[in-house]
Amino acid sequence: MELHGKQRFCKAYGRYVTGSDPQSIVIGHITCVALCTIIFITCIFGVVANSLNIIVLRRSITQGSLKDLLIILAVVELLGCLSAMIYSYVIVNILENLNRSEFVFHCFRISNIIFSICKQSS
């Protein structure tokens, strides 16, 4: 990656899904965009399901360490889903050349770190 002013550039650039010239449509990048879309949609279901798990477990009348562990697991998975959603959104922005600012690259790096930690801890 090269730094030009406040924009960062890498060798992968262009509009891979809606590009006007035939050289910009690359199968690998279309696959990446499709996978990111599938990840984003799957994470929406994960966010809803884990939010419901947290609500139901918090209102449960039973007490015990298993309930606490399940709440912790639901919170970790909720954070993992949210960071995966941010990651997939940011990677599509980078691949589609929509935004390559320094903030976007920081979001990319931080969401990847949070997702890795949540994946390992769950």
Protein backbone atom coordinates (compact mmCIF):
# COMPACT_ATOMS: atom_id res chain seq x y z
CA MET A 1 0.00 0.00 0.00
CA GLU A 2 1.17 3.45 -0.85
CA LEU A 3 0.22 6.63 0.92
CA HIS A 4 -0.75 9.59 -1.30
CA GLY A 5 -1.89 12.48 0.85
CA LYS A 6 -4.70 11.20 3.03
CA GLN A 7 -5.74 8.44 0.62
CA ARG A 8 -4.19 4.99 0.66
CA PHE A 9 -3.87 3.02 -2.53
CA CYS A 10 -3.16 -0.63 -3.13
CA LYS A 11 -2.91 -2.73 -6.27
CA ALA A 12 -6.55 -3.90 -6.00
CA TYR A 13 -8.63 -1.03 -7.29
CA GLY A 14 -11.58 -0.34 -9.53
CA ARG A 15 -15.28 -0.97 -9.63
CA TYR A 16 -15.49 -4.73 -9.70
CA VAL A 17 -19.23 -5.23 -9.73
CA THR A 18 -20.50 -2.21 -11.68
CA GLY A 19 -17.37 -1.43 -13.70
CA SER A 20 -17.80 -0.03 -17.18
CA ASP A 21 -14.77 -1.56 -18.84
CA PRO A 22 -14.41 -5.36 -19.17
CA GLN A 23 -11.01 -5.41 -17.46
CA SER A 24 -12.47 -4.12 -14.19
CA ILE A 25 -14.74 -7.13 -13.74
CA VAL A 26 -12.54 -9.67 -11.98
CA ILE A 27 -14.04 -12.96 -10.82
CA GLY A 28 -12.05 -13.03 -7.58
CA HIS A 29 -13.28 -9.63 -6.48
CA ILE A 30 -16.86 -10.38 -7.47
CA THR A 31 -16.59 -13.51 -5.33
CA CYS A 32 -15.21 -11.43 -2.45
CA VAL A 33 -18.08 -8.94 -2.72
CA ALA A 34 -20.61 -11.82 -2.85
CA LEU A 35 -19.06 -13.45 0.23
CA CYS A 36 -19.06 -10.14 2.10
CA THR A 37 -22.74 -9.71 1.27
CA ILE A 38 -23.53 -13.21 2.54
CA ILE A 39 -21.51 -12.53 5.71
CA PHE A 40 -23.36 -9.24 6.27
CA ILE A 41 -26.79 -10.88 5.89
CA THR A 42 -25.81 -13.79 8.14
CA CYS A 43 -24.50 -11.38 10.77
CA ILE A 44 -27.82 -9.53 10.80
CA PHE A 45 -29.49 -12.79 11.87
CA GLY A 46 -26.71 -13.34 14.43
CA VAL A 47 -27.20 -9.88 15.93
CA VAL A 48 -30.96 -10.39 16.23
CA ALA A 49 -30.63 -13.90 17.69
CA ASN A 50 -27.94 -12.97 20.21
CA SER A 51 -29.85 -9.85 21.26
CA LEU A 52 -32.91 -12.01 21.91
CA ASN A 53 -30.74 -14.51 23.82
CA ILE A 54 -29.42 -11.75 26.06
CA ILE A 55 -32.92 -10.36 26.70
CA VAL A 56 -34.41 -13.78 27.48
CA LEU A 57 -31.52 -14.88 29.70
CA ARG A 58 -31.49 -11.61 31.64
CA ARG A 59 -35.21 -11.90 32.38
CA SER A 60 -34.95 -15.55 33.35
CA ILE A 61 -35.81 -16.28 36.97
CA THR A 62 -33.24 -19.04 37.36
CA GLN A 63 -29.85 -18.20 38.80
CA GLY A 64 -26.57 -19.94 38.31
CA SER A 65 -23.22 -19.94 36.64
CA LEU A 66 -24.55 -21.55 33.44
CA LYS A 67 -26.90 -18.61 32.87
CA ASP A 68 -24.02 -16.17 33.38
CA LEU A 69 -21.79 -18.10 30.98
CA LEU A 70 -24.53 -18.16 28.34
CA ILE A 71 -25.01 -14.40 28.67
CA ILE A 72 -21.27 -13.84 28.30
CA LEU A 73 -21.19 -16.12 25.24
CA ALA A 74 -24.14 -14.26 23.68
CA VAL A 75 -22.44 -10.88 24.27
CA VAL A 76 -19.15 -12.10 22.76
CA GLU A 77 -20.95 -13.51 19.72
CA LEU A 78 -22.95 -10.29 19.37
CA LEU A 79 -19.71 -8.29 19.31
CA GLY A 80 -18.26 -10.76 16.82
CA CYS A 81 -21.27 -10.37 14.51
CA LEU A 82 -21.15 -6.58 14.72
CA SER A 83 -17.43 -6.47 13.95
CA ALA A 84 -17.89 -8.92 11.04
CA MET A 85 -20.63 -6.66 9.66
CA ILE A 86 -18.33 -3.64 9.84
CA TYR A 87 -15.48 -5.67 8.31
CA SER A 88 -17.57 -6.87 5.36
CA TYR A 89 -18.95 -3.37 4.73
CA VAL A 90 -15.50 -1.79 4.84
CA ILE A 91 -13.87 -4.39 2.57
CA VAL A 92 -16.55 -3.79 -0.08
CA ASN A 93 -15.96 -0.03 0.19
CA ILE A 94 -12.25 -0.57 -0.31
CA LEU A 95 -12.66 -2.96 -3.24
CA GLU A 96 -15.24 -0.77 -4.95
CA ASN A 97 -13.08 2.35 -4.51
CA LEU A 98 -15.90 4.10 -2.66
CA ASN A 99 -13.77 5.25 0.25
CA ARG A 100 -10.11 4.57 1.00
CA SER A 101 -9.51 7.16 3.68
CA GLU A 102 -7.35 6.54 6.70
CA PHE A 103 -10.47 6.18 8.87
CA VAL A 104 -11.75 3.33 6.68
CA PHE A 105 -8.44 1.48 6.95
CA HIS A 106 -8.48 1.92 10.73
CA CYS A 107 -12.03 0.52 10.83
CA PHE A 108 -10.83 -2.39 8.70
CA ARG A 109 -7.95 -3.16 11.03
CA ILE A 110 -9.85 -2.68 14.30
CA SER A 111 -12.89 -4.71 13.22
CA ASN A 112 -10.58 -7.51 12.09
CA ILE A 113 -8.85 -7.53 15.48
CA ILE A 114 -12.16 -7.51 17.40
CA PHE A 115 -13.55 -10.30 15.21
CA SER A 116 -10.42 -12.43 15.75
CA ILE A 117 -10.62 -11.97 19.52
CA CYS A 118 -14.35 -12.77 19.62
CA LYS A 119 -13.86 -15.82 17.40
CA GLN A 120 -11.15 -17.18 19.69
CA SER A 121 -12.99 -16.44 22.91
CA SER A 122 -16.29 -17.97 21.86
